[in-house]
Amino acid sequence: MELKLRVFLADGSSIASDLVSFLERSGFIVSTAVEGKQALSLIPSFDPDLIILDVLLPHINGRDVLRYLRRDGNWTPIIMLGEVGDAAERAMALDEGADDYLLKPIAAQEVVSRIKAILRRINSNTFTTSSAGYFICGDLKFDRTTHRTYLRDKSLKLTSKALVLLEYLMTHPGELLTREQLLDAVWGWDYPLGTRAVDARIAELRHMLHDDAKMPKFIETVRGYGYRFLGYVRVISDKTQTPHHSILAKTSPQSPNVTKM
């Protein structure tokens, strides 16, 4: 028997009851909260597959709930529901770790469609090393349990999207990944700033990793296409640093269309 997916909805507005009913009719198990403090107390025990947060929650607003969850290492997919259509507002929420941002009023069917799309994207991006503790490439370590990155054993302060992007790159070493692929995998196709968001987070990663774009050690630019993660990535199964298996980033000889910049 297929297990039902669990959705947590934090929304005290008038649309909440209708949305809950539709989610339940669509086969989801739903738990709710009407304000931010209540949401933070209930989410850990409910352990949802996806969270929906109204931006205008009382006491602790939805954006702050999002920040608290991400800061505590909770990377459950989150959809924000807002009433402000400004691209900058949406971009800030997405950069803080939201997986989607929908404007009210919104049809319940579209919410369900977005939920399914996010969960499909996550499942399609699931790497064969889902049980891995962390990845190592030279002096670079990515801890999947805590979502922290270390360079020469020094912790790096990265934005949430840069962390997700780095994890995706390290799980696809040697692959030529287009900006559109990265945008879809990390942000979702409807991200308001488009592929510029990918370039901005790549620039952040290069800065923090001290990676020279002209002579890259980790991230190579392929002009007209996208990016490639270079080097060997070792997969560590636990904190004992016992290798589960290794991934070899296979790179072909440089061709004229490859520019390291």
C-alpha atoms as a PDB file:
ATOM      1  CA  MET A   1       0.000   0.000   0.000  1.00  0.00           C
ATOM      2  CA  GLU A   2       1.405   3.401  -1.012  1.00  0.00           C
ATOM      3  CA  LEU A   3       2.082   5.734   1.901  1.00  0.00           C
ATOM      4  CA  LYS A   4       0.264   9.052   1.814  1.00  0.00           C
ATOM      5  CA  LEU A   5       2.408  12.170   1.703  1.00  0.00           C
ATOM      6  CA  ARG A   6       2.206  14.587   4.617  1.00  0.00           C
ATOM      7  CA  VAL A   7       1.642  18.314   4.095  1.00  0.00           C
ATOM      8  CA  PHE A   8       1.826  20.935   6.830  1.00  0.00           C
ATOM      9  CA  LEU A   9      -0.167  24.113   6.182  1.00  0.00           C
ATOM     10  CA  ALA A  10       0.408  27.238   8.279  1.00  0.00           C
ATOM     11  CA  ASP A  11      -2.204  29.757   7.185  1.00  0.00           C
ATOM     12  CA  GLY A  12      -4.749  31.611   9.295  1.00  0.00           C
ATOM     13  CA  SER A  13      -6.573  33.223   6.375  1.00  0.00           C
ATOM     14  CA  SER A  14     -10.016  32.436   5.022  1.00  0.00           C
ATOM     15  CA  ILE A  15      -8.676  30.163   2.258  1.00  0.00           C
ATOM     16  CA  ALA A  16      -7.103  27.689   4.688  1.00  0.00           C
ATOM     17  CA  SER A  17     -10.110  25.445   5.350  1.00  0.00           C
ATOM     18  CA  ASP A  18     -10.942  25.064   1.648  1.00  0.00           C
ATOM     19  CA  LEU A  19      -7.287  24.330   0.845  1.00  0.00           C
ATOM     20  CA  VAL A  20      -7.097  21.711   3.606  1.00  0.00           C
ATOM     21  CA  SER A  21     -10.203  19.977   2.267  1.00  0.00           C
ATOM     22  CA  PHE A  22      -8.836  19.916  -1.264  1.00  0.00           C
ATOM     23  CA  LEU A  23      -5.445  18.614  -0.117  1.00  0.00           C
ATOM     24  CA  GLU A  24      -7.121  15.800   1.803  1.00  0.00           C
ATOM     25  CA  ARG A  25      -9.312  14.924  -1.176  1.00  0.00           C
ATOM     26  CA  SER A  26      -6.126  14.827  -3.263  1.00  0.00           C
ATOM     27  CA  GLY A  27      -4.708  12.120  -1.012  1.00  0.00           C
ATOM     28  CA  PHE A  28      -2.488  14.073   1.385  1.00  0.00           C
ATOM     29  CA  ILE A  29      -2.387  13.841   5.169  1.00  0.00           C
ATOM     30  CA  VAL A  30      -2.651  17.429   6.404  1.00  0.00           C
ATOM     31  CA  SER A  31      -1.758  19.139   9.672  1.00  0.00           C
ATOM     32  CA  THR A  32      -2.323  22.846  10.240  1.00  0.00           C
ATOM     33  CA  ALA A  33      -1.355  25.887  12.275  1.00  0.00           C
ATOM     34  CA  VAL A  34      -2.793  29.382  12.265  1.00  0.00           C
ATOM     35  CA  GLU A  35       0.273  31.316  13.487  1.00  0.00           C
ATOM     36  CA  GLY A  36       4.042  31.052  13.242  1.00  0.00           C
ATOM     37  CA  LYS A  37       4.948  30.048  16.793  1.00  0.00           C
ATOM     38  CA  GLN A  38       2.424  27.215  16.658  1.00  0.00           C
ATOM     39  CA  ALA A  39       3.829  26.073  13.317  1.00  0.00           C
ATOM     40  CA  LEU A  40       7.383  25.865  14.671  1.00  0.00           C
ATOM     41  CA  SER A  41       6.192  23.764  17.611  1.00  0.00           C
ATOM     42  CA  LEU A  42       4.133  21.320  15.512  1.00  0.00           C
ATOM     43  CA  ILE A  43       6.313  20.787  12.437  1.00  0.00           C
ATOM     44  CA  PRO A  44       9.001  18.579  14.094  1.00  0.00           C
ATOM     45  CA  SER A  45       6.522  16.029  15.454  1.00  0.00           C
ATOM     46  CA  PHE A  46       4.411  15.932  12.283  1.00  0.00           C
ATOM     47  CA  ASP A  47       7.524  15.474  10.109  1.00  0.00           C
ATOM     48  CA  PRO A  48       5.917  16.607   6.832  1.00  0.00           C
ATOM     49  CA  ASP A  49       7.045  15.865   3.290  1.00  0.00           C
ATOM     50  CA  LEU A  50       6.252  19.473   2.356  1.00  0.00           C
ATOM     51  CA  ILE A  51       5.375  22.701   4.201  1.00  0.00           C
ATOM     52  CA  ILE A  52       3.137  25.561   3.039  1.00  0.00           C
ATOM     53  CA  LEU A  53       3.628  28.881   4.849  1.00  0.00           C
ATOM     54  CA  ASP A  54       1.540  32.029   4.584  1.00  0.00           C
ATOM     55  CA  VAL A  55       3.900  35.025   4.568  1.00  0.00           C
ATOM     56  CA  LEU A  56       1.516  37.018   6.796  1.00  0.00           C
ATOM     57  CA  LEU A  57       1.297  34.597   9.725  1.00  0.00           C
ATOM     58  CA  PRO A  58       0.700  36.368  13.063  1.00  0.00           C
ATOM     59  CA  HIS A  59       3.246  36.461  15.927  1.00  0.00           C
ATOM     60  CA  ILE A  60       6.047  34.971  13.794  1.00  0.00           C
ATOM     61  CA  ASN A  61       5.573  35.650  10.094  1.00  0.00           C
ATOM     62  CA  GLY A  62       6.083  33.055   7.389  1.00  0.00           C
ATOM     63  CA  ARG A  63       9.434  34.412   6.220  1.00  0.00           C
ATOM     64  CA  ASP A  64      10.788  34.193   9.779  1.00  0.00           C
ATOM     65  CA  VAL A  65       9.445  30.646  10.159  1.00  0.00           C
ATOM     66  CA  LEU A  66      11.277  29.773   6.937  1.00  0.00           C
ATOM     67  CA  ARG A  67      14.505  31.281   8.298  1.00  0.00           C
ATOM     68  CA  TYR A  68      14.186  29.435  11.626  1.00  0.00           C
ATOM     69  CA  LEU A  69      13.643  26.093   9.894  1.00  0.00           C
ATOM     70  CA  ARG A  70      16.573  26.492   7.498  1.00  0.00           C
ATOM     71  CA  ARG A  71      18.865  27.744  10.263  1.00  0.00           C
ATOM     72  CA  ASP A  72      17.982  24.640  12.296  1.00  0.00           C
ATOM     73  CA  GLY A  73      18.895  22.391   9.370  1.00  0.00           C
ATOM     74  CA  ASN A  74      15.318  21.529   8.359  1.00  0.00           C
ATOM     75  CA  TRP A  75      15.381  21.286   4.539  1.00  0.00           C
ATOM     76  CA  THR A  76      11.820  20.064   4.018  1.00  0.00           C
ATOM     77  CA  PRO A  77      10.468  21.654   0.787  1.00  0.00           C
ATOM     78  CA  ILE A  78       8.555  24.867   1.525  1.00  0.00           C
ATOM     79  CA  ILE A  79       5.990  26.756  -0.558  1.00  0.00           C
ATOM     80  CA  MET A  80       5.347  30.356   0.475  1.00  0.00           C
ATOM     81  CA  LEU A  81       1.919  31.952  -0.028  1.00  0.00           C
ATOM     82  CA  GLY A  82       2.089  35.726  -0.352  1.00  0.00           C
ATOM     83  CA  GLU A  83       0.054  38.716  -1.411  1.00  0.00           C
ATOM     84  CA  VAL A  84       2.948  40.768  -2.789  1.00  0.00           C
ATOM     85  CA  GLY A  85       3.748  40.146  -6.447  1.00  0.00           C
ATOM     86  CA  ASP A  86       6.999  42.090  -6.488  1.00  0.00           C
ATOM     87  CA  ALA A  87       9.817  40.060  -8.074  1.00  0.00           C
ATOM     88  CA  ALA A  88      12.283  41.188  -5.403  1.00  0.00           C
ATOM     89  CA  GLU A  89      10.027  39.920  -2.592  1.00  0.00           C
ATOM     90  CA  ARG A  90       9.709  36.530  -4.269  1.00  0.00           C
ATOM     91  CA  ALA A  91      13.427  36.395  -4.997  1.00  0.00           C
ATOM     92  CA  MET A  92      14.336  37.092  -1.348  1.00  0.00           C
ATOM     93  CA  ALA A  93      12.067  34.310  -0.105  1.00  0.00           C
ATOM     94  CA  LEU A  94      13.503  31.860  -2.629  1.00  0.00           C
ATOM     95  CA  ASP A  95      17.077  32.842  -1.775  1.00  0.00           C
ATOM     96  CA  GLU A  96      16.306  32.288   1.911  1.00  0.00           C
ATOM     97  CA  GLY A  97      15.407  28.689   1.153  1.00  0.00           C
ATOM     98  CA  ALA A  98      11.819  28.584  -0.114  1.00  0.00           C
ATOM     99  CA  ASP A  99      11.171  26.167  -2.970  1.00  0.00           C
ATOM    100  CA  ASP A 100       8.286  28.103  -4.498  1.00  0.00           C
ATOM    101  CA  TYR A 101       6.342  31.334  -3.963  1.00  0.00           C
ATOM    102  CA  LEU A 102       2.684  31.553  -4.951  1.00  0.00           C
ATOM    103  CA  LEU A 103       0.470  34.630  -4.989  1.00  0.00           C
ATOM    104  CA  LYS A 104      -2.960  34.739  -3.389  1.00  0.00           C
ATOM    105  CA  PRO A 105      -5.657  34.290  -4.379  1.00  0.00           C
ATOM    106  CA  ILE A 106      -4.696  30.951  -5.842  1.00  0.00           C
ATOM    107  CA  ALA A 107      -6.692  27.920  -6.946  1.00  0.00           C
ATOM    108  CA  ALA A 108      -6.290  24.876  -4.713  1.00  0.00           C
ATOM    109  CA  GLN A 109      -5.646  22.742  -7.793  1.00  0.00           C
ATOM    110  CA  GLU A 110      -2.608  24.849  -8.661  1.00  0.00           C
ATOM    111  CA  VAL A 111      -1.242  24.419  -5.128  1.00  0.00           C
ATOM    112  CA  VAL A 112      -1.552  20.652  -5.497  1.00  0.00           C
ATOM    113  CA  SER A 113       0.124  20.790  -8.908  1.00  0.00           C
ATOM    114  CA  ARG A 114       3.027  22.788  -7.457  1.00  0.00           C
ATOM    115  CA  ILE A 115       3.380  20.314  -4.581  1.00  0.00           C
ATOM    116  CA  LYS A 116       3.557  17.397  -6.992  1.00  0.00           C
ATOM    117  CA  ALA A 117       6.039  19.233  -9.233  1.00  0.00           C
ATOM    118  CA  ILE A 118       8.381  19.980  -6.307  1.00  0.00           C
ATOM    119  CA  LEU A 119       8.239  16.419  -5.018  1.00  0.00           C
ATOM    120  CA  ARG A 120       8.836  15.044  -8.529  1.00  0.00           C
ATOM    121  CA  ARG A 121      11.857  17.322  -8.910  1.00  0.00           C
ATOM    122  CA  ILE A 122      13.264  16.168  -5.582  1.00  0.00           C
ATOM    123  CA  ASN A 123      12.712  12.503  -6.430  1.00  0.00           C
ATOM    124  CA  SER A 124      14.254  12.884  -9.893  1.00  0.00           C
ATOM    125  CA  ASN A 125      17.314  14.542  -8.349  1.00  0.00           C
ATOM    126  CA  THR A 126      17.779  11.873  -5.694  1.00  0.00           C
ATOM    127  CA  PHE A 127      21.318  10.612  -6.051  1.00  0.00           C
ATOM    128  CA  THR A 128      22.304   6.983  -5.486  1.00  0.00           C
ATOM    129  CA  THR A 129      24.260   8.163  -2.451  1.00  0.00           C
ATOM    130  CA  SER A 130      21.192   9.210  -0.456  1.00  0.00           C
ATOM    131  CA  SER A 131      22.639   7.502   2.619  1.00  0.00           C
ATOM    132  CA  ALA A 132      25.948   9.351   2.298  1.00  0.00           C
ATOM    133  CA  GLY A 133      27.055  11.503   5.208  1.00  0.00           C
ATOM    134  CA  TYR A 134      29.075  13.901   3.100  1.00  0.00           C
ATOM    135  CA  PHE A 135      31.095  14.455  -0.066  1.00  0.00           C
ATOM    136  CA  ILE A 136      34.800  15.256  -0.291  1.00  0.00           C
ATOM    137  CA  CYS A 137      36.662  16.772  -3.230  1.00  0.00           C
ATOM    138  CA  GLY A 138      40.233  17.645  -2.282  1.00  0.00           C
ATOM    139  CA  ASP A 139      40.083  20.250   0.506  1.00  0.00           C
ATOM    140  CA  LEU A 140      36.341  20.723   0.029  1.00  0.00           C
ATOM    141  CA  LYS A 141      33.872  18.866   2.258  1.00  0.00           C
ATOM    142  CA  PHE A 142      30.085  19.015   2.042  1.00  0.00           C
ATOM    143  CA  ASP A 143      28.225  17.654   5.072  1.00  0.00           C
ATOM    144  CA  ARG A 144      24.801  16.472   3.918  1.00  0.00           C
ATOM    145  CA  THR A 145      23.524  15.958   7.456  1.00  0.00           C
ATOM    146  CA  THR A 146      24.069  19.522   8.636  1.00  0.00           C
ATOM    147  CA  HIS A 147      24.141  21.220   5.213  1.00  0.00           C
ATOM    148  CA  ARG A 148      27.475  22.799   6.016  1.00  0.00           C
ATOM    149  CA  THR A 149      30.491  23.200   3.783  1.00  0.00           C
ATOM    150  CA  TYR A 150      34.150  23.224   4.803  1.00  0.00           C
ATOM    151  CA  LEU A 151      37.246  24.297   2.923  1.00  0.00           C
ATOM    152  CA  ARG A 152      40.497  23.132   4.534  1.00  0.00           C
ATOM    153  CA  ASP A 153      38.387  22.327   7.637  1.00  0.00           C
ATOM    154  CA  LYS A 154      37.112  25.915   7.881  1.00  0.00           C
ATOM    155  CA  SER A 155      33.337  26.337   7.810  1.00  0.00           C
ATOM    156  CA  LEU A 156      32.036  28.484   4.932  1.00  0.00           C
ATOM    157  CA  LYS A 157      29.058  30.811   5.297  1.00  0.00           C
ATOM    158  CA  LEU A 158      26.990  30.246   2.155  1.00  0.00           C
ATOM    159  CA  THR A 159      23.451  31.268   1.270  1.00  0.00           C
ATOM    160  CA  SER A 160      20.878  28.473   1.272  1.00  0.00           C
ATOM    161  CA  LYS A 161      20.619  28.343  -2.531  1.00  0.00           C
ATOM    162  CA  ALA A 162      24.405  28.283  -2.933  1.00  0.00           C
ATOM    163  CA  LEU A 163      24.490  25.261  -0.606  1.00  0.00           C
ATOM    164  CA  VAL A 164      21.821  23.430  -2.599  1.00  0.00           C
ATOM    165  CA  LEU A 165      23.551  24.328  -5.861  1.00  0.00           C
ATOM    166  CA  LEU A 166      26.916  23.060  -4.580  1.00  0.00           C
ATOM    167  CA  GLU A 167      25.333  19.805  -3.448  1.00  0.00           C
ATOM    168  CA  TYR A 168      23.743  19.339  -6.867  1.00  0.00           C
ATOM    169  CA  LEU A 169      27.032  20.036  -8.645  1.00  0.00           C
ATOM    170  CA  MET A 170      28.922  17.611  -6.404  1.00  0.00           C
ATOM    171  CA  THR A 171      26.381  14.852  -7.061  1.00  0.00           C
ATOM    172  CA  HIS A 172      26.858  15.342 -10.809  1.00  0.00           C
ATOM    173  CA  PRO A 173      30.650  15.607 -11.179  1.00  0.00           C
ATOM    174  CA  GLY A 174      31.996  15.862 -14.693  1.00  0.00           C
ATOM    175  CA  GLU A 175      28.545  16.449 -16.186  1.00  0.00           C
ATOM    176  CA  LEU A 176      27.952  19.477 -18.381  1.00  0.00           C
ATOM    177  CA  LEU A 177      24.959  21.141 -16.726  1.00  0.00           C
ATOM    178  CA  THR A 178      23.130  23.936 -18.505  1.00  0.00           C
ATOM    179  CA  ARG A 179      21.947  27.002 -16.629  1.00  0.00           C
ATOM    180  CA  GLU A 180      18.384  25.904 -17.367  1.00  0.00           C
ATOM    181  CA  GLN A 181      19.005  22.475 -15.796  1.00  0.00           C
ATOM    182  CA  LEU A 182      20.461  24.077 -12.675  1.00  0.00           C
ATOM    183  CA  LEU A 183      17.643  26.606 -12.480  1.00  0.00           C
ATOM    184  CA  ASP A 184      15.042  23.854 -12.673  1.00  0.00           C
ATOM    185  CA  ALA A 185      16.808  21.588 -10.170  1.00  0.00           C
ATOM    186  CA  VAL A 186      17.577  24.203  -7.525  1.00  0.00           C
ATOM    187  CA  TRP A 187      15.014  27.002  -7.957  1.00  0.00           C
ATOM    188  CA  GLY A 188      12.230  25.743 -10.178  1.00  0.00           C
ATOM    189  CA  TRP A 189      11.503  27.059 -13.654  1.00  0.00           C
ATOM    190  CA  ASP A 190       9.318  29.996 -12.628  1.00  0.00           C
ATOM    191  CA  TYR A 191      12.009  31.732 -10.590  1.00  0.00           C
ATOM    192  CA  PRO A 192      11.548  35.452 -11.405  1.00  0.00           C
ATOM    193  CA  LEU A 193      15.201  36.323 -12.044  1.00  0.00           C
ATOM    194  CA  GLY A 194      15.786  33.403 -14.437  1.00  0.00           C
ATOM    195  CA  THR A 195      19.242  32.020 -15.171  1.00  0.00           C
ATOM    196  CA  ARG A 196      20.899  35.144 -13.752  1.00  0.00           C
ATOM    197  CA  ALA A 197      20.229  33.596 -10.349  1.00  0.00           C
ATOM    198  CA  VAL A 198      22.413  30.620 -11.320  1.00  0.00           C
ATOM    199  CA  ASP A 199      25.297  32.871 -12.368  1.00  0.00           C
ATOM    200  CA  ALA A 200      25.031  34.873  -9.134  1.00  0.00           C
ATOM    201  CA  ARG A 201      25.232  31.786  -6.923  1.00  0.00           C
ATOM    202  CA  ILE A 202      28.090  30.348  -9.021  1.00  0.00           C
ATOM    203  CA  ALA A 203      29.944  33.614  -8.439  1.00  0.00           C
ATOM    204  CA  GLU A 204      29.271  33.276  -4.707  1.00  0.00           C
ATOM    205  CA  LEU A 205      30.606  29.713  -4.661  1.00  0.00           C
ATOM    206  CA  ARG A 206      33.744  30.681  -6.579  1.00  0.00           C
ATOM    207  CA  HIS A 207      34.404  33.561  -4.197  1.00  0.00           C
ATOM    208  CA  MET A 208      33.979  31.430  -1.073  1.00  0.00           C
ATOM    209  CA  LEU A 209      35.937  28.485  -2.508  1.00  0.00           C
ATOM    210  CA  HIS A 210      38.747  30.772  -3.770  1.00  0.00           C
ATOM    211  CA  ASP A 211      38.194  29.157  -7.154  1.00  0.00           C
ATOM    212  CA  ASP A 212      39.823  31.077 -10.015  1.00  0.00           C
ATOM    213  CA  ALA A 213      37.396  31.159 -12.944  1.00  0.00           C
ATOM    214  CA  LYS A 214      40.328  31.265 -15.398  1.00  0.00           C
ATOM    215  CA  MET A 215      42.055  28.252 -13.815  1.00  0.00           C
ATOM    216  CA  PRO A 216      39.245  26.496 -11.945  1.00  0.00           C
ATOM    217  CA  LYS A 217      39.769  23.721  -9.443  1.00  0.00           C
ATOM    218  CA  PHE A 218      36.090  23.073  -8.727  1.00  0.00           C
ATOM    219  CA  ILE A 219      33.702  24.835 -11.135  1.00  0.00           C
ATOM    220  CA  GLU A 220      34.344  25.225 -14.853  1.00  0.00           C
ATOM    221  CA  THR A 221      32.387  27.543 -17.142  1.00  0.00           C
ATOM    222  CA  VAL A 222      31.484  26.105 -20.543  1.00  0.00           C
ATOM    223  CA  ARG A 223      30.676  29.075 -22.747  1.00  0.00           C
ATOM    224  CA  GLY A 224      27.248  28.946 -24.298  1.00  0.00           C
ATOM    225  CA  TYR A 225      26.227  25.925 -22.223  1.00  0.00           C
ATOM    226  CA  GLY A 226      26.648  26.153 -18.473  1.00  0.00           C
ATOM    227  CA  TYR A 227      28.906  24.698 -15.797  1.00  0.00           C
ATOM    228  CA  ARG A 228      30.791  21.534 -14.896  1.00  0.00           C
ATOM    229  CA  PHE A 229      32.058  20.382 -11.484  1.00  0.00           C
ATOM    230  CA  LEU A 230      35.671  19.216 -11.776  1.00  0.00           C
ATOM    231  CA  GLY A 231      37.665  16.656  -9.827  1.00  0.00           C
ATOM    232  CA  TYR A 232      37.038  13.444  -7.925  1.00  0.00           C
ATOM    233  CA  VAL A 233      34.196  13.394  -5.414  1.00  0.00           C
ATOM    234  CA  ARG A 234      34.477  10.817  -2.635  1.00  0.00           C
ATOM    235  CA  VAL A 235      31.242   9.699  -1.003  1.00  0.00           C
ATOM    236  CA  ILE A 236      31.485   9.144   2.747  1.00  0.00           C
ATOM    237  CA  SER A 237      28.860   6.963   4.351  1.00  0.00           C
ATOM    238  CA  ASP A 238      29.254   8.168   7.946  1.00  0.00           C
ATOM    239  CA  LYS A 239      31.331  10.276  10.314  1.00  0.00           C
ATOM    240  CA  THR A 240      34.020   7.592  10.480  1.00  0.00           C
ATOM    241  CA  GLN A 241      34.969   8.770   6.973  1.00  0.00           C
ATOM    242  CA  THR A 242      34.697   5.279   5.546  1.00  0.00           C
ATOM    243  CA  PRO A 243      34.260   5.666   1.782  1.00  0.00           C
ATOM    244  CA  HIS A 244      30.983   4.267   0.507  1.00  0.00           C
ATOM    245  CA  HIS A 245      32.232   4.533  -3.053  1.00  0.00           C
ATOM    246  CA  SER A 246      33.958   7.108  -5.225  1.00  0.00           C
ATOM    247  CA  ILE A 247      32.764   9.171  -8.132  1.00  0.00           C
ATOM    248  CA  LEU A 248      35.137  10.079 -10.894  1.00  0.00           C
ATOM    249  CA  ALA A 249      34.478  13.293 -12.745  1.00  0.00           C
ATOM    250  CA  LYS A 250      35.382  12.379 -16.291  1.00  0.00           C
ATOM    251  CA  THR A 251      36.291  15.437 -18.325  1.00  0.00           C
ATOM    252  CA  SER A 252      37.067  15.332 -21.993  1.00  0.00           C
ATOM    253  CA  PRO A 253      40.034  17.200 -23.485  1.00  0.00           C
ATOM    254  CA  GLN A 254      39.329  20.908 -23.728  1.00  0.00           C
ATOM    255  CA  SER A 255      37.623  21.829 -26.961  1.00  0.00           C
ATOM    256  CA  PRO A 256      37.374  25.267 -28.566  1.00  0.00           C
ATOM    257  CA  ASN A 257      33.915  25.881 -27.111  1.00  0.00           C
ATOM    258  CA  VAL A 258      35.153  25.496 -23.514  1.00  0.00           C
ATOM    259  CA  THR A 259      36.327  28.684 -21.880  1.00  0.00           C
ATOM    260  CA  LYS A 260      37.527  28.858 -18.315  1.00  0.00           C
ATOM    261  CA  MET A 261      36.441  32.294 -17.204  1.00  0.00           C
END
